Amino acid sequence: MNLKPLDDRVVIAQGKAENKTDGGILLPDTAKEKPQRGKVVSVGPGKLLDDGTRSKPAVKKGDEVYYGKYAGTEVEIGTKKYVIVRESDILALVE
């Protein structure tokens, strides 16, 4: 993939939507919720601060993260779906 994010943006490979509920009910495609968890694929150089320096990103390639439900921009490259978000839209790291 040749997708390089700018500034404090992060490219995340979207996780898969759940096919069934906890109770075992199968969900049709229209009822599936957009995934909020994914794996960081690429990280920008960091936010440009007022003094001209860049802040160090808090996430790195390979981290699993949760991000806001309506955050970022979805892009599709080939058959894979990605979301590009600002680092501030990432809610948590999965450890």
N, C-alpha and C. Protein backbone atom coordinates (compact mmCIF):
# COMPACT_ATOMS: atom_id res chain seq x y z
N MET A 1 0.84 -1.17 0.00
CA MET A 1 0.00 0.00 0.00
C MET A 1 0.89 1.24 0.00
N ASN A 2 0.60 2.19 -0.83
CA ASN A 2 1.36 3.42 -0.92
C ASN A 2 0.54 4.60 -0.44
N LEU A 3 0.09 4.54 0.79
CA LEU A 3 -0.74 5.59 1.38
C LEU A 3 0.04 6.18 2.54
N LYS A 4 0.52 7.42 2.40
CA LYS A 4 1.31 8.06 3.44
C LYS A 4 0.52 9.23 4.02
N PRO A 5 0.08 9.13 5.28
CA PRO A 5 -0.70 10.20 5.88
C PRO A 5 0.16 11.44 6.18
N LEU A 6 -0.49 12.59 6.19
CA LEU A 6 0.19 13.85 6.48
C LEU A 6 -0.10 14.29 7.91
N ASP A 7 0.78 15.11 8.44
CA ASP A 7 0.65 15.71 9.77
C ASP A 7 0.31 14.68 10.84
N ASP A 8 -0.78 14.89 11.58
CA ASP A 8 -1.12 14.00 12.69
C ASP A 8 -2.18 12.97 12.30
N ARG A 9 -2.23 12.63 11.02
CA ARG A 9 -3.23 11.65 10.57
C ARG A 9 -2.67 10.23 10.65
N VAL A 10 -3.59 9.28 10.77
CA VAL A 10 -3.24 7.87 10.92
C VAL A 10 -4.14 7.06 9.99
N VAL A 11 -3.55 6.08 9.27
CA VAL A 11 -4.32 5.18 8.41
C VAL A 11 -4.56 3.90 9.21
N ILE A 12 -5.83 3.50 9.30
CA ILE A 12 -6.22 2.33 10.08
C ILE A 12 -6.95 1.35 9.17
N ALA A 13 -6.52 0.08 9.20
CA ALA A 13 -7.24 -0.98 8.48
C ALA A 13 -8.45 -1.34 9.34
N GLN A 14 -9.64 -1.18 8.77
CA GLN A 14 -10.87 -1.43 9.51
C GLN A 14 -11.00 -2.91 9.86
N GLY A 15 -11.52 -3.17 11.06
CA GLY A 15 -11.83 -4.52 11.46
C GLY A 15 -13.10 -4.99 10.75
N LYS A 16 -13.43 -6.24 10.93
CA LYS A 16 -14.63 -6.81 10.31
C LYS A 16 -15.86 -6.52 11.16
N ALA A 17 -16.97 -6.26 10.52
CA ALA A 17 -18.24 -6.08 11.23
C ALA A 17 -18.73 -7.44 11.71
N GLU A 18 -19.37 -7.45 12.86
CA GLU A 18 -19.88 -8.69 13.42
C GLU A 18 -21.00 -9.26 12.56
N ASN A 19 -20.98 -10.59 12.35
CA ASN A 19 -22.00 -11.27 11.55
C ASN A 19 -23.21 -11.68 12.36
N LYS A 20 -23.02 -11.82 13.69
CA LYS A 20 -24.15 -12.21 14.53
C LYS A 20 -24.03 -11.56 15.90
N THR A 21 -25.15 -11.48 16.59
CA THR A 21 -25.20 -10.88 17.91
C THR A 21 -24.67 -11.86 18.94
N ASP A 22 -24.53 -11.37 20.18
CA ASP A 22 -24.09 -12.25 21.27
C ASP A 22 -25.07 -13.38 21.51
N GLY A 23 -26.34 -13.15 21.19
CA GLY A 23 -27.37 -14.18 21.37
C GLY A 23 -27.43 -15.17 20.22
N GLY A 24 -26.63 -14.98 19.17
CA GLY A 24 -26.57 -15.92 18.07
C GLY A 24 -27.44 -15.57 16.86
N ILE A 25 -28.04 -14.39 16.85
CA ILE A 25 -28.89 -13.99 15.73
C ILE A 25 -28.00 -13.48 14.60
N LEU A 26 -28.19 -14.01 13.40
CA LEU A 26 -27.42 -13.57 12.25
C LEU A 26 -27.93 -12.22 11.77
N LEU A 27 -26.97 -11.33 11.45
CA LEU A 27 -27.33 -9.98 11.02
C LEU A 27 -27.19 -9.83 9.51
N PRO A 28 -28.18 -9.21 8.85
CA PRO A 28 -28.03 -8.92 7.42
C PRO A 28 -27.04 -7.76 7.25
N ASP A 29 -26.52 -7.58 6.04
CA ASP A 29 -25.53 -6.54 5.78
C ASP A 29 -26.02 -5.15 6.17
N THR A 30 -27.29 -4.88 6.00
CA THR A 30 -27.83 -3.56 6.30
C THR A 30 -27.89 -3.28 7.79
N ALA A 31 -27.88 -4.30 8.63
CA ALA A 31 -27.99 -4.12 10.08
C ALA A 31 -26.63 -4.13 10.77
N LYS A 32 -25.57 -4.44 10.05
CA LYS A 32 -24.24 -4.49 10.66
C LYS A 32 -23.76 -3.08 10.97
N GLU A 33 -23.16 -2.94 12.15
CA GLU A 33 -22.62 -1.64 12.55
C GLU A 33 -21.20 -1.48 12.02
N LYS A 34 -20.85 -0.24 11.72
CA LYS A 34 -19.52 0.09 11.25
C LYS A 34 -18.52 -0.25 12.35
N PRO A 35 -17.43 -0.96 12.03
CA PRO A 35 -16.46 -1.32 13.07
C PRO A 35 -15.75 -0.08 13.61
N GLN A 36 -15.42 -0.11 14.90
CA GLN A 36 -14.71 0.99 15.54
C GLN A 36 -13.32 0.58 15.99
N ARG A 37 -12.92 -0.60 15.61
CA ARG A 37 -11.61 -1.13 16.01
C ARG A 37 -10.84 -1.47 14.75
N GLY A 38 -9.54 -1.24 14.79
CA GLY A 38 -8.72 -1.55 13.63
C GLY A 38 -7.25 -1.55 13.98
N LYS A 39 -6.44 -1.84 12.96
CA LYS A 39 -5.00 -1.93 13.13
C LYS A 39 -4.33 -0.77 12.39
N VAL A 40 -3.41 -0.09 13.07
CA VAL A 40 -2.70 1.04 12.47
C VAL A 40 -1.78 0.52 11.37
N VAL A 41 -1.95 1.08 10.17
CA VAL A 41 -1.16 0.67 9.01
C VAL A 41 -0.04 1.67 8.73
N SER A 42 -0.32 2.95 8.95
CA SER A 42 0.64 3.99 8.66
C SER A 42 0.37 5.21 9.53
N VAL A 43 1.44 5.90 9.94
CA VAL A 43 1.32 7.06 10.81
C VAL A 43 2.06 8.24 10.18
N GLY A 44 1.44 9.41 10.25
CA GLY A 44 2.07 10.63 9.73
C GLY A 44 3.21 11.08 10.64
N PRO A 45 3.95 12.13 10.23
CA PRO A 45 5.11 12.59 11.00
C PRO A 45 4.77 13.27 12.31
N GLY A 46 3.53 13.64 12.54
CA GLY A 46 3.13 14.30 13.78
C GLY A 46 2.61 15.70 13.52
N LYS A 47 1.91 16.23 14.49
CA LYS A 47 1.29 17.55 14.36
C LYS A 47 2.37 18.64 14.39
N LEU A 48 2.24 19.60 13.50
CA LEU A 48 3.16 20.73 13.45
C LEU A 48 2.75 21.74 14.52
N LEU A 49 3.66 21.99 15.46
CA LEU A 49 3.38 22.90 16.57
C LEU A 49 3.68 24.35 16.16
N ASP A 50 3.24 25.29 17.00
CA ASP A 50 3.43 26.71 16.71
C ASP A 50 4.90 27.11 16.60
N ASP A 51 5.78 26.43 17.33
CA ASP A 51 7.20 26.79 17.29
C ASP A 51 7.95 26.14 16.11
N GLY A 52 7.23 25.42 15.25
CA GLY A 52 7.84 24.83 14.06
C GLY A 52 8.30 23.40 14.22
N THR A 53 8.22 22.86 15.43
CA THR A 53 8.61 21.46 15.65
C THR A 53 7.38 20.57 15.49
N ARG A 54 7.62 19.28 15.43
CA ARG A 54 6.52 18.32 15.31
C ARG A 54 6.40 17.51 16.59
N SER A 55 5.16 17.28 17.02
CA SER A 55 4.94 16.43 18.19
C SER A 55 5.08 14.97 17.77
N LYS A 56 5.56 14.16 18.66
CA LYS A 56 5.75 12.73 18.38
C LYS A 56 4.39 12.02 18.45
N PRO A 57 4.05 11.21 17.43
CA PRO A 57 2.78 10.47 17.47
C PRO A 57 2.74 9.48 18.63
N ALA A 58 1.56 9.31 19.23
CA ALA A 58 1.37 8.40 20.36
C ALA A 58 1.15 6.97 19.91
N VAL A 59 0.83 6.75 18.63
CA VAL A 59 0.61 5.40 18.12
C VAL A 59 1.68 5.08 17.09
N LYS A 60 1.84 3.78 16.84
CA LYS A 60 2.81 3.35 15.84
C LYS A 60 2.20 2.26 14.98
N LYS A 61 2.85 1.97 13.88
CA LYS A 61 2.38 0.93 12.96
C LYS A 61 2.25 -0.39 13.71
N GLY A 62 1.12 -1.07 13.50
CA GLY A 62 0.89 -2.36 14.14
C GLY A 62 0.02 -2.29 15.39
N ASP A 63 -0.17 -1.10 15.97
CA ASP A 63 -1.02 -0.96 17.15
C ASP A 63 -2.48 -1.23 16.80
N GLU A 64 -3.21 -1.86 17.73
CA GLU A 64 -4.66 -2.01 17.57
C GLU A 64 -5.31 -0.90 18.37
N VAL A 65 -6.27 -0.23 17.75
CA VAL A 65 -6.89 0.94 18.38
C VAL A 65 -8.40 0.93 18.21
N TYR A 66 -9.06 1.68 19.10
CA TYR A 66 -10.47 2.02 18.95
C TYR A 66 -10.53 3.48 18.53
N TYR A 67 -11.40 3.80 17.58
CA TYR A 67 -11.54 5.18 17.12
C TYR A 67 -13.02 5.55 17.12
N GLY A 68 -13.30 6.85 17.02
CA GLY A 68 -14.67 7.34 17.07
C GLY A 68 -15.53 6.75 15.97
N LYS A 69 -16.80 6.54 16.28
CA LYS A 69 -17.73 5.89 15.37
C LYS A 69 -17.88 6.63 14.04
N TYR A 70 -17.93 7.94 14.09
CA TYR A 70 -18.11 8.73 12.87
C TYR A 70 -16.85 9.52 12.52
N ALA A 71 -15.71 9.09 13.02
CA ALA A 71 -14.46 9.81 12.80
C ALA A 71 -13.82 9.43 11.47
N GLY A 72 -13.11 10.37 10.90
CA GLY A 72 -12.26 10.09 9.76
C GLY A 72 -12.97 9.95 8.43
N THR A 73 -12.16 9.57 7.45
CA THR A 73 -12.61 9.39 6.08
C THR A 73 -12.33 7.96 5.65
N GLU A 74 -13.35 7.29 5.16
CA GLU A 74 -13.18 5.91 4.69
C GLU A 74 -12.66 5.90 3.26
N VAL A 75 -11.67 5.05 3.00
CA VAL A 75 -11.15 4.86 1.65
C VAL A 75 -11.06 3.37 1.39
N GLU A 76 -11.18 3.00 0.12
CA GLU A 76 -11.08 1.61 -0.26
C GLU A 76 -10.00 1.48 -1.32
N ILE A 77 -9.01 0.65 -1.03
CA ILE A 77 -7.92 0.40 -1.97
C ILE A 77 -7.96 -1.08 -2.30
N GLY A 78 -8.29 -1.40 -3.54
CA GLY A 78 -8.49 -2.80 -3.91
C GLY A 78 -9.72 -3.32 -3.19
N THR A 79 -9.55 -4.38 -2.44
CA THR A 79 -10.66 -4.95 -1.70
C THR A 79 -10.60 -4.60 -0.22
N LYS A 80 -9.56 -3.89 0.20
CA LYS A 80 -9.39 -3.56 1.62
C LYS A 80 -9.95 -2.18 1.93
N LYS A 81 -10.55 -2.07 3.12
CA LYS A 81 -11.12 -0.80 3.56
C LYS A 81 -10.25 -0.20 4.66
N TYR A 82 -10.00 1.09 4.53
CA TYR A 82 -9.20 1.82 5.50
C TYR A 82 -9.97 3.05 5.94
N VAL A 83 -9.58 3.58 7.09
CA VAL A 83 -10.12 4.85 7.56
C VAL A 83 -8.92 5.73 7.92
N ILE A 84 -8.97 6.99 7.49
CA ILE A 84 -7.92 7.94 7.81
C ILE A 84 -8.48 8.89 8.86
N VAL A 85 -7.85 8.91 10.04
CA VAL A 85 -8.32 9.72 11.15
C VAL A 85 -7.19 10.60 11.67
N ARG A 86 -7.56 11.66 12.36
CA ARG A 86 -6.57 12.44 13.09
C ARG A 86 -6.22 11.65 14.35
N GLU A 87 -5.02 11.85 14.83
CA GLU A 87 -4.59 11.12 16.01
C GLU A 87 -5.52 11.40 17.20
N SER A 88 -6.07 12.60 17.27
CA SER A 88 -6.98 12.95 18.36
C SER A 88 -8.31 12.19 18.29
N ASP A 89 -8.64 11.60 17.14
CA ASP A 89 -9.87 10.81 17.00
C ASP A 89 -9.71 9.38 17.50
N ILE A 90 -8.47 8.98 17.82
CA ILE A 90 -8.22 7.64 18.36
C ILE A 90 -8.55 7.69 19.85
N LEU A 91 -9.41 6.79 20.28
CA LEU A 91 -9.90 6.80 21.65
C LEU A 91 -9.04 5.98 22.60
N ALA A 92 -8.52 4.83 22.14
CA ALA A 92 -7.77 3.95 23.04
C ALA A 92 -6.90 2.98 22.26
N LEU A 93 -5.83 2.55 22.90
CA LEU A 93 -4.97 1.47 22.38
C LEU A 93 -5.43 0.16 23.02
N VAL A 94 -5.39 -0.92 22.26
CA VAL A 94 -5.73 -2.24 22.79
C VAL A 94 -4.42 -2.91 23.18
N GLU A 95 -4.32 -3.32 24.44
CA GLU A 95 -3.08 -3.97 24.92
C GLU A 95 -3.28 -5.43 25.18
